[in-house]
Amino acid sequence: MKYQIKVSATAYQETGDAYEYYEEQSPGLGERFLKSLEDSYLKLSQTPQYYSYIRNDKNIRDIKIKTFPFVIIFQIMKNTVLVLRVFNTNRNHESLKNL
């Protein structure tokens, strides 16, 4: 079964911010970030249940984005993967408590 990916407004904004940051650092790096993100979305659309839970309530999961210090935080809802955050792991993890 293939899952549909839906991206929250917060995750969409975080993606744009990361893209802009990486492009400012080195032209093309933002594009590489988006490609890694896209690869992770493809994996999620195929086997989201493979990835580990990040909370005890067994509702929220994450997947690391290859090469970059980011994780995709998501939950599975029937045949949809809802992307809640594209989170920079160098940031304060306290903001994740309100998911």
PDB file of N, CA and C in Angstrom:
ATOM      1  N   MET A   1       0.840  -1.180   0.000  1.00  0.00           N
ATOM      2  CA  MET A   1       0.000   0.000   0.000  1.00  0.00           C
ATOM      3  C   MET A   1       0.885   1.244   0.000  1.00  0.00           C
ATOM      4  N   LYS A   2       0.561   2.193  -0.821  1.00  0.00           N
ATOM      5  CA  LYS A   2       1.291   3.450  -0.870  1.00  0.00           C
ATOM      6  C   LYS A   2       0.526   4.507  -0.085  1.00  0.00           C
ATOM      7  N   TYR A   3       1.250   5.229   0.764  1.00  0.00           N
ATOM      8  CA  TYR A   3       0.649   6.251   1.609  1.00  0.00           C
ATOM      9  C   TYR A   3       0.783   7.616   0.942  1.00  0.00           C
ATOM     10  N   GLN A   4      -0.227   8.443   1.136  1.00  0.00           N
ATOM     11  CA  GLN A   4      -0.189   9.821   0.651  1.00  0.00           C
ATOM     12  C   GLN A   4       0.566  10.660   1.680  1.00  0.00           C
ATOM     13  N   ILE A   5       1.403  11.584   1.218  1.00  0.00           N
ATOM     14  CA  ILE A   5       2.149  12.482   2.098  1.00  0.00           C
ATOM     15  C   ILE A   5       1.448  13.830   2.135  1.00  0.00           C
ATOM     16  N   LYS A   6       1.138  14.302   3.336  1.00  0.00           N
ATOM     17  CA  LYS A   6       0.589  15.649   3.527  1.00  0.00           C
ATOM     18  C   LYS A   6       1.542  16.406   4.436  1.00  0.00           C
ATOM     19  N   VAL A   7       1.905  17.617   4.034  1.00  0.00           N
ATOM     20  CA  VAL A   7       2.883  18.420   4.762  1.00  0.00           C
ATOM     21  C   VAL A   7       2.169  19.571   5.463  1.00  0.00           C
ATOM     22  N   SER A   8       2.370  19.683   6.761  1.00  0.00           N
ATOM     23  CA  SER A   8       1.755  20.775   7.526  1.00  0.00           C
ATOM     24  C   SER A   8       2.386  22.109   7.130  1.00  0.00           C
ATOM     25  N   ALA A   9       1.698  23.190   7.462  1.00  0.00           N
ATOM     26  CA  ALA A   9       2.218  24.529   7.174  1.00  0.00           C
ATOM     27  C   ALA A   9       3.547  24.760   7.889  1.00  0.00           C
ATOM     28  N   THR A  10       3.666  24.261   9.113  1.00  0.00           N
ATOM     29  CA  THR A  10       4.911  24.415   9.865  1.00  0.00           C
ATOM     30  C   THR A  10       6.056  23.702   9.168  1.00  0.00           C
ATOM     31  N   ALA A  11       5.838  22.476   8.757  1.00  0.00           N
ATOM     32  CA  ALA A  11       6.879  21.707   8.068  1.00  0.00           C
ATOM     33  C   ALA A  11       7.247  22.356   6.737  1.00  0.00           C
ATOM     34  N   TYR A  12       6.259  22.874   6.042  1.00  0.00           N
ATOM     35  CA  TYR A  12       6.503  23.553   4.770  1.00  0.00           C
ATOM     36  C   TYR A  12       7.392  24.784   4.993  1.00  0.00           C
ATOM     37  N   GLN A  13       7.096  25.560   6.026  1.00  0.00           N
ATOM     38  CA  GLN A  13       7.895  26.750   6.345  1.00  0.00           C
ATOM     39  C   GLN A  13       9.317  26.363   6.739  1.00  0.00           C
ATOM     40  N   GLU A  14       9.445  25.326   7.565  1.00  0.00           N
ATOM     41  CA  GLU A  14      10.771  24.872   7.974  1.00  0.00           C
ATOM     42  C   GLU A  14      11.593  24.401   6.781  1.00  0.00           C
ATOM     43  N   THR A  15      10.945  23.756   5.821  1.00  0.00           N
ATOM     44  CA  THR A  15      11.626  23.310   4.607  1.00  0.00           C
ATOM     45  C   THR A  15      12.139  24.506   3.810  1.00  0.00           C
ATOM     46  N   GLY A  16      11.297  25.510   3.642  1.00  0.00           N
ATOM     47  CA  GLY A  16      11.700  26.710   2.917  1.00  0.00           C
ATOM     48  C   GLY A  16      12.843  27.437   3.600  1.00  0.00           C
ATOM     49  N   ASP A  17      12.776  27.535   4.916  1.00  0.00           N
ATOM     50  CA  ASP A  17      13.840  28.194   5.679  1.00  0.00           C
ATOM     51  C   ASP A  17      15.169  27.450   5.514  1.00  0.00           C
ATOM     52  N   ALA A  18      15.113  26.123   5.595  1.00  0.00           N
ATOM     53  CA  ALA A  18      16.335  25.321   5.446  1.00  0.00           C
ATOM     54  C   ALA A  18      16.904  25.462   4.035  1.00  0.00           C
ATOM     55  N   TYR A  19      16.034  25.424   3.051  1.00  0.00           N
ATOM     56  CA  TYR A  19      16.477  25.586   1.660  1.00  0.00           C
ATOM     57  C   TYR A  19      17.208  26.918   1.478  1.00  0.00           C
ATOM     58  N   GLU A  20      16.597  27.984   1.943  1.00  0.00           N
ATOM     59  CA  GLU A  20      17.203  29.316   1.804  1.00  0.00           C
ATOM     60  C   GLU A  20      18.544  29.395   2.531  1.00  0.00           C
ATOM     61  N   TYR A  21      18.604  28.848   3.728  1.00  0.00           N
ATOM     62  CA  TYR A  21      19.844  28.859   4.494  1.00  0.00           C
ATOM     63  C   TYR A  21      20.955  28.137   3.727  1.00  0.00           C
ATOM     64  N   TYR A  22      20.668  26.927   3.244  1.00  0.00           N
ATOM     65  CA  TYR A  22      21.689  26.151   2.550  1.00  0.00           C
ATOM     66  C   TYR A  22      22.095  26.794   1.226  1.00  0.00           C
ATOM     67  N   GLU A  23      21.169  27.403   0.527  1.00  0.00           N
ATOM     68  CA  GLU A  23      21.518  28.088  -0.722  1.00  0.00           C
ATOM     69  C   GLU A  23      22.419  29.289  -0.460  1.00  0.00           C
ATOM     70  N   GLU A  24      22.214  29.978   0.654  1.00  0.00           N
ATOM     71  CA  GLU A  24      23.078  31.102   1.025  1.00  0.00           C
ATOM     72  C   GLU A  24      24.487  30.618   1.353  1.00  0.00           C
ATOM     73  N   GLN A  25      24.580  29.414   1.948  1.00  0.00           N
ATOM     74  CA  GLN A  25      25.882  28.866   2.315  1.00  0.00           C
ATOM     75  C   GLN A  25      26.677  28.453   1.088  1.00  0.00           C
ATOM     76  N   SER A  26      25.992  27.823   0.143  1.00  0.00           N
ATOM     77  CA  SER A  26      26.656  27.334  -1.071  1.00  0.00           C
ATOM     78  C   SER A  26      25.589  27.061  -2.134  1.00  0.00           C
ATOM     79  N   PRO A  27      25.665  27.749  -3.273  1.00  0.00           N
ATOM     80  CA  PRO A  27      24.667  27.513  -4.329  1.00  0.00           C
ATOM     81  C   PRO A  27      24.590  26.026  -4.694  1.00  0.00           C
ATOM     82  N   GLY A  28      23.373  25.527  -4.728  1.00  0.00           N
ATOM     83  CA  GLY A  28      23.135  24.116  -5.028  1.00  0.00           C
ATOM     84  C   GLY A  28      22.946  23.251  -3.798  1.00  0.00           C
ATOM     85  N   LEU A  29      23.424  23.717  -2.644  1.00  0.00           N
ATOM     86  CA  LEU A  29      23.280  22.925  -1.418  1.00  0.00           C
ATOM     87  C   LEU A  29      21.816  22.827  -0.989  1.00  0.00           C
ATOM     88  N   GLY A  30      21.064  23.898  -1.195  1.00  0.00           N
ATOM     89  CA  GLY A  30      19.629  23.862  -0.903  1.00  0.00           C
ATOM     90  C   GLY A  30      18.916  22.834  -1.765  1.00  0.00           C
ATOM     91  N   GLU A  31      19.320  22.747  -3.025  1.00  0.00           N
ATOM     92  CA  GLU A  31      18.732  21.740  -3.926  1.00  0.00           C
ATOM     93  C   GLU A  31      19.062  20.328  -3.458  1.00  0.00           C
ATOM     94  N   ARG A  32      20.278  20.129  -2.963  1.00  0.00           N
ATOM     95  CA  ARG A  32      20.651  18.810  -2.442  1.00  0.00           C
ATOM     96  C   ARG A  32      19.832  18.472  -1.198  1.00  0.00           C
ATOM     97  N   PHE A  33      19.578  19.492  -0.365  1.00  0.00           N
ATOM     98  CA  PHE A  33      18.715  19.288   0.799  1.00  0.00           C
ATOM     99  C   PHE A  33      17.321  18.839   0.354  1.00  0.00           C
ATOM    100  N   LEU A  34      16.748  19.541  -0.623  1.00  0.00           N
ATOM    101  CA  LEU A  34      15.406  19.174  -1.110  1.00  0.00           C
ATOM    102  C   LEU A  34      15.385  17.772  -1.705  1.00  0.00           C
ATOM    103  N   LYS A  35      16.449  17.363  -2.383  1.00  0.00           N
ATOM    104  CA  LYS A  35      16.522  16.011  -2.953  1.00  0.00           C
ATOM    105  C   LYS A  35      16.546  14.968  -1.837  1.00  0.00           C
ATOM    106  N   SER A  36      17.323  15.234  -0.780  1.00  0.00           N
ATOM    107  CA  SER A  36      17.354  14.302   0.358  1.00  0.00           C
ATOM    108  C   SER A  36      15.994  14.225   1.037  1.00  0.00           C
ATOM    109  N   LEU A  37      15.336  15.363   1.155  1.00  0.00           N
ATOM    110  CA  LEU A  37      13.999  15.404   1.740  1.00  0.00           C
ATOM    111  C   LEU A  37      13.017  14.610   0.885  1.00  0.00           C
ATOM    112  N   GLU A  38      13.088  14.812  -0.414  1.00  0.00           N
ATOM    113  CA  GLU A  38      12.220  14.079  -1.342  1.00  0.00           C
ATOM    114  C   GLU A  38      12.454  12.572  -1.236  1.00  0.00           C
ATOM    115  N   ASP A  39      13.719  12.160  -1.138  1.00  0.00           N
ATOM    116  CA  ASP A  39      14.033  10.732  -0.974  1.00  0.00           C
ATOM    117  C   ASP A  39      13.406  10.175   0.309  1.00  0.00           C
ATOM    118  N   SER A  40      13.449  10.972   1.374  1.00  0.00           N
ATOM    119  CA  SER A  40      12.840  10.538   2.637  1.00  0.00           C
ATOM    120  C   SER A  40      11.325  10.446   2.519  1.00  0.00           C
ATOM    121  N   TYR A  41      10.713  11.396   1.822  1.00  0.00           N
ATOM    122  CA  TYR A  41       9.268  11.346   1.600  1.00  0.00           C
ATOM    123  C   TYR A  41       8.884  10.092   0.812  1.00  0.00           C
ATOM    124  N   LEU A  42       9.707   9.718  -0.150  1.00  0.00           N
ATOM    125  CA  LEU A  42       9.436   8.511  -0.926  1.00  0.00           C
ATOM    126  C   LEU A  42       9.458   7.277  -0.023  1.00  0.00           C
ATOM    127  N   LYS A  43      10.451   7.199   0.854  1.00  0.00           N
ATOM    128  CA  LYS A  43      10.510   6.081   1.806  1.00  0.00           C
ATOM    129  C   LYS A  43       9.276   6.064   2.704  1.00  0.00           C
ATOM    130  N   LEU A  44       8.876   7.233   3.167  1.00  0.00           N
ATOM    131  CA  LEU A  44       7.694   7.319   4.033  1.00  0.00           C
ATOM    132  C   LEU A  44       6.434   6.872   3.303  1.00  0.00           C
ATOM    133  N   SER A  45       6.326   7.213   2.040  1.00  0.00           N
ATOM    134  CA  SER A  45       5.122   6.843   1.289  1.00  0.00           C
ATOM    135  C   SER A  45       5.016   5.333   1.101  1.00  0.00           C
ATOM    136  N   GLN A  46       6.145   4.640   1.233  1.00  0.00           N
ATOM    137  CA  GLN A  46       6.150   3.189   1.027  1.00  0.00           C
ATOM    138  C   GLN A  46       6.064   2.397   2.331  1.00  0.00           C
ATOM    139  N   THR A  47       6.821   2.810   3.345  1.00  0.00           N
ATOM    140  CA  THR A  47       6.858   2.046   4.602  1.00  0.00           C
ATOM    141  C   THR A  47       6.979   2.951   5.825  1.00  0.00           C
ATOM    142  N   PRO A  48       5.987   3.777   6.107  1.00  0.00           N
ATOM    143  CA  PRO A  48       6.108   4.690   7.252  1.00  0.00           C
ATOM    144  C   PRO A  48       6.156   3.974   8.595  1.00  0.00           C
ATOM    145  N   GLN A  49       5.557   2.813   8.699  1.00  0.00           N
ATOM    146  CA  GLN A  49       5.532   2.084   9.963  1.00  0.00           C
ATOM    147  C   GLN A  49       6.895   1.513  10.339  1.00  0.00           C
ATOM    148  N   TYR A  50       7.855   1.554   9.440  1.00  0.00           N
ATOM    149  CA  TYR A  50       9.204   1.060   9.684  1.00  0.00           C
ATOM    150  C   TYR A  50       9.969   1.948  10.674  1.00  0.00           C
ATOM    151  N   TYR A  51       9.612   3.211  10.762  1.00  0.00           N
ATOM    152  CA  TYR A  51      10.381   4.191  11.533  1.00  0.00           C
ATOM    153  C   TYR A  51       9.906   4.264  12.983  1.00  0.00           C
ATOM    154  N   SER A  52      10.854   4.600  13.863  1.00  0.00           N
ATOM    155  CA  SER A  52      10.603   4.489  15.296  1.00  0.00           C
ATOM    156  C   SER A  52       9.764   5.633  15.861  1.00  0.00           C
ATOM    157  N   TYR A  53       9.128   5.319  16.977  1.00  0.00           N
ATOM    158  CA  TYR A  53       8.352   6.307  17.720  1.00  0.00           C
ATOM    159  C   TYR A  53       9.293   7.232  18.481  1.00  0.00           C
ATOM    160  N   ILE A  54       8.870   8.482  18.645  1.00  0.00           N
ATOM    161  CA  ILE A  54       9.681   9.408  19.439  1.00  0.00           C
ATOM    162  C   ILE A  54       9.007   9.766  20.751  1.00  0.00           C
ATOM    163  N   ARG A  55       7.803   9.269  20.932  1.00  0.00           N
ATOM    164  CA  ARG A  55       7.083   9.538  22.186  1.00  0.00           C
ATOM    165  C   ARG A  55       6.502   8.245  22.714  1.00  0.00           C
ATOM    166  N   ASN A  56       6.220   8.245  23.991  1.00  0.00           N
ATOM    167  CA  ASN A  56       5.679   7.051  24.629  1.00  0.00           C
ATOM    168  C   ASN A  56       4.263   6.716  24.186  1.00  0.00           C
ATOM    169  N   ASP A  57       3.537   7.703  23.676  1.00  0.00           N
ATOM    170  CA  ASP A  57       2.155   7.430  23.290  1.00  0.00           C
ATOM    171  C   ASP A  57       2.048   6.669  21.963  1.00  0.00           C
ATOM    172  N   LYS A  58       3.190   6.379  21.347  1.00  0.00           N
ATOM    173  CA  LYS A  58       3.253   5.595  20.109  1.00  0.00           C
ATOM    174  C   LYS A  58       2.353   6.160  19.027  1.00  0.00           C
ATOM    175  N   ASN A  59       2.490   7.454  18.825  1.00  0.00           N
ATOM    176  CA  ASN A  59       1.695   8.148  17.823  1.00  0.00           C
ATOM    177  C   ASN A  59       2.575   8.934  16.851  1.00  0.00           C
ATOM    178  N   ILE A  60       3.688   9.469  17.341  1.00  0.00           N
ATOM    179  CA  ILE A  60       4.567  10.333  16.565  1.00  0.00           C
ATOM    180  C   ILE A  60       5.876   9.587  16.280  1.00  0.00           C
ATOM    181  N   ARG A  61       6.312   9.637  15.021  1.00  0.00           N
ATOM    182  CA  ARG A  61       7.539   8.954  14.605  1.00  0.00           C
ATOM    183  C   ARG A  61       8.474   9.948  13.931  1.00  0.00           C
ATOM    184  N   ASP A  62       9.707   9.463  13.652  1.00  0.00           N
ATOM    185  CA  ASP A  62      10.614  10.315  12.886  1.00  0.00           C
ATOM    186  C   ASP A  62      11.505   9.493  11.960  1.00  0.00           C
ATOM    187  N   ILE A  63      12.044  10.189  10.963  1.00  0.00           N
ATOM    188  CA  ILE A  63      12.999   9.614  10.019  1.00  0.00           C
ATOM    189  C   ILE A  63      14.075  10.667   9.789  1.00  0.00           C
ATOM    190  N   LYS A  64      15.317  10.245   9.823  1.00  0.00           N
ATOM    191  CA  LYS A  64      16.433  11.160   9.604  1.00  0.00           C
ATOM    192  C   LYS A  64      16.565  11.438   8.111  1.00  0.00           C
ATOM    193  N   ILE A  65      16.868  12.697   7.790  1.00  0.00           N
ATOM    194  CA  ILE A  65      17.140  13.086   6.412  1.00  0.00           C
ATOM    195  C   ILE A  65      18.631  12.862   6.162  1.00  0.00           C
ATOM    196  N   LYS A  66      18.946  12.068   5.169  1.00  0.00           N
ATOM    197  CA  LYS A  66      20.327  11.695   4.870  1.00  0.00           C
ATOM    198  C   LYS A  66      21.193  12.928   4.621  1.00  0.00           C
ATOM    199  N   THR A  67      22.358  12.963   5.248  1.00  0.00           N
ATOM    200  CA  THR A  67      23.415  13.964   5.058  1.00  0.00           C
ATOM    201  C   THR A  67      23.168  15.287   5.785  1.00  0.00           C
ATOM    202  N   PHE A  68      21.960  15.583   6.176  1.00  0.00           N
ATOM    203  CA  PHE A  68      21.633  16.859   6.792  1.00  0.00           C
ATOM    204  C   PHE A  68      21.162  16.636   8.239  1.00  0.00           C
ATOM    205  N   PRO A  69      21.359  17.641   9.115  1.00  0.00           N
ATOM    206  CA  PRO A  69      20.977  17.469  10.526  1.00  0.00           C
ATOM    207  C   PRO A  69      19.482  17.747  10.765  1.00  0.00           C
ATOM    208  N   PHE A  70      18.641  17.039  10.028  1.00  0.00           N
ATOM    209  CA  PHE A  70      17.194  17.221  10.114  1.00  0.00           C
ATOM    210  C   PHE A  70      16.517  15.870  10.248  1.00  0.00           C
ATOM    211  N   VAL A  71      15.361  15.889  10.900  1.00  0.00           N
ATOM    212  CA  VAL A  71      14.473  14.733  10.919  1.00  0.00           C
ATOM    213  C   VAL A  71      13.089  15.186  10.472  1.00  0.00           C
ATOM    214  N   ILE A  72      12.374  14.270   9.870  1.00  0.00           N
ATOM    215  CA  ILE A  72      10.970  14.494   9.531  1.00  0.00           C
ATOM    216  C   ILE A  72      10.168  13.873  10.657  1.00  0.00           C
ATOM    217  N   ILE A  73       9.341  14.661  11.293  1.00  0.00           N
ATOM    218  CA  ILE A  73       8.491  14.179  12.371  1.00  0.00           C
ATOM    219  C   ILE A  73       7.083  14.023  11.796  1.00  0.00           C
ATOM    220  N   PHE A  74       6.513  12.833  11.958  1.00  0.00           N
ATOM    221  CA  PHE A  74       5.259  12.527  11.279  1.00  0.00           C
ATOM    222  C   PHE A  74       4.384  11.591  12.094  1.00  0.00           C
ATOM    223  N   GLN A  75       3.146  11.486  11.654  1.00  0.00           N
ATOM    224  CA  GLN A  75       2.252  10.474  12.195  1.00  0.00           C
ATOM    225  C   GLN A  75       1.479   9.841  11.038  1.00  0.00           C
ATOM    226  N   ILE A  76       1.099   8.603  11.260  1.00  0.00           N
ATOM    227  CA  ILE A  76       0.352   7.856  10.252  1.00  0.00           C
ATOM    228  C   ILE A  76      -1.123   7.942  10.600  1.00  0.00           C
ATOM    229  N   MET A  77      -1.920   8.320   9.611  1.00  0.00           N
ATOM    230  CA  MET A  77      -3.364   8.431   9.797  1.00  0.00           C
ATOM    231  C   MET A  77      -4.030   7.707   8.629  1.00  0.00           C
ATOM    232  N   LYS A  78      -4.432   6.470   8.861  1.00  0.00           N
ATOM    233  CA  LYS A  78      -5.007   5.598   7.839  1.00  0.00           C
ATOM    234  C   LYS A  78      -4.034   5.453   6.685  1.00  0.00           C
ATOM    235  N   ASN A  79      -4.353   5.969   5.508  1.00  0.00           N
ATOM    236  CA  ASN A  79      -3.466   5.824   4.347  1.00  0.00           C
ATOM    237  C   ASN A  79      -2.694   7.116   4.053  1.00  0.00           C
ATOM    238  N   THR A  80      -2.541   7.956   5.073  1.00  0.00           N
ATOM    239  CA  THR A  80      -1.861   9.238   4.924  1.00  0.00           C
ATOM    240  C   THR A  80      -0.741   9.364   5.949  1.00  0.00           C
ATOM    241  N   VAL A  81       0.379   9.921   5.511  1.00  0.00           N
ATOM    242  CA  VAL A  81       1.460  10.292   6.418  1.00  0.00           C
ATOM    243  C   VAL A  81       1.397  11.807   6.547  1.00  0.00           C
ATOM    244  N   LEU A  82       1.135  12.275   7.755  1.00  0.00           N
ATOM    245  CA  LEU A  82       1.066  13.700   8.014  1.00  0.00           C
ATOM    246  C   LEU A  82       2.420  14.159   8.552  1.00  0.00           C
ATOM    247  N   VAL A  83       3.106  14.983   7.778  1.00  0.00           N
ATOM    248  CA  VAL A  83       4.407  15.523   8.181  1.00  0.00           C
ATOM    249  C   VAL A  83       4.139  16.732   9.063  1.00  0.00           C
ATOM    250  N   LEU A  84       4.520  16.618  10.330  1.00  0.00           N
ATOM    251  CA  LEU A  84       4.280  17.680  11.304  1.00  0.00           C
ATOM    252  C   LEU A  84       5.408  18.704  11.306  1.00  0.00           C
ATOM    253  N   ARG A  85       6.649  18.219  11.214  1.00  0.00           N
ATOM    254  CA  ARG A  85       7.812  19.103  11.280  1.00  0.00           C
ATOM    255  C   ARG A  85       8.909  18.565  10.370  1.00  0.00           C
ATOM    256  N   VAL A  86       9.727  19.465   9.852  1.00  0.00           N
ATOM    257  CA  VAL A  86      11.015  19.145   9.252  1.00  0.00           C
ATOM    258  C   VAL A  86      11.997  19.839  10.191  1.00  0.00           C
ATOM    259  N   PHE A  87      12.453  19.081  11.179  1.00  0.00           N
ATOM    260  CA  PHE A  87      13.090  19.642  12.363  1.00  0.00           C
ATOM    261  C   PHE A  87      14.609  19.586  12.288  1.00  0.00           C
ATOM    262  N   ASN A  88      15.234  20.727  12.545  1.00  0.00           N
ATOM    263  CA  ASN A  88      16.685  20.824  12.620  1.00  0.00           C
ATOM    264  C   ASN A  88      17.123  20.270  13.975  1.00  0.00           C
ATOM    265  N   THR A  89      17.887  19.200  13.974  1.00  0.00           N
ATOM    266  CA  THR A  89      18.271  18.544  15.222  1.00  0.00           C
ATOM    267  C   THR A  89      19.281  19.352  16.029  1.00  0.00           C
ATOM    268  N   ASN A  90      19.810  20.420  15.461  1.00  0.00           N
ATOM    269  CA  ASN A  90      20.704  21.304  16.206  1.00  0.00           C
ATOM    270  C   ASN A  90      19.928  22.311  17.044  1.00  0.00           C
ATOM    271  N   ARG A  91      18.613  22.331  16.904  1.00  0.00           N
ATOM    272  CA  ARG A  91      17.774  23.272  17.657  1.00  0.00           C
ATOM    273  C   ARG A  91      17.360  22.686  18.997  1.00  0.00           C
ATOM    274  N   ASN A  92      16.713  23.524  19.783  1.00  0.00           N
ATOM    275  CA  ASN A  92      16.220  23.138  21.093  1.00  0.00           C
ATOM    276  C   ASN A  92      15.070  22.127  20.937  1.00  0.00           C
ATOM    277  N   HIS A  93      15.233  20.977  21.495  1.00  0.00           N
ATOM    278  CA  HIS A  93      14.227  19.915  21.376  1.00  0.00           C
ATOM    279  C   HIS A  93      12.988  20.160  22.217  1.00  0.00           C
ATOM    280  N   GLU A  94      13.021  21.172  23.062  1.00  0.00           N
ATOM    281  CA  GLU A  94      11.857  21.493  23.886  1.00  0.00           C
ATOM    282  C   GLU A  94      10.638  21.826  23.016  1.00  0.00           C
ATOM    283  N   SER A  95      10.862  22.399  21.837  1.00  0.00           N
ATOM    284  CA  SER A  95       9.744  22.769  20.977  1.00  0.00           C
ATOM    285  C   SER A  95       8.980  21.545  20.469  1.00  0.00           C
ATOM    286  N   LEU A  96       9.551  20.377  20.594  1.00  0.00           N
ATOM    287  CA  LEU A  96       8.885  19.160  20.135  1.00  0.00           C
ATOM    288  C   LEU A  96       7.879  18.632  21.156  1.00  0.00           C
ATOM    289  N   LYS A  97       7.915  19.139  22.365  1.00  0.00           N
ATOM    290  CA  LYS A  97       7.005  18.657  23.408  1.00  0.00           C
ATOM    291  C   LYS A  97       5.548  18.995  23.114  1.00  0.00           C
ATOM    292  N   ASN A  98       5.313  19.986  22.278  1.00  0.00           N
ATOM    293  CA  ASN A  98       3.946  20.426  22.004  1.00  0.00           C
ATOM    294  C   ASN A  98       3.347  19.803  20.743  1.00  0.00           C
ATOM    295  N   LEU A  99       3.888  18.714  20.287  1.00  0.00           N
ATOM    296  CA  LEU A  99       3.336  18.070  19.090  1.00  0.00           C
ATOM    297  C   LEU A  99       2.029  17.382  19.393  1.00  0.00           C
TER     298      LEU A  99
END
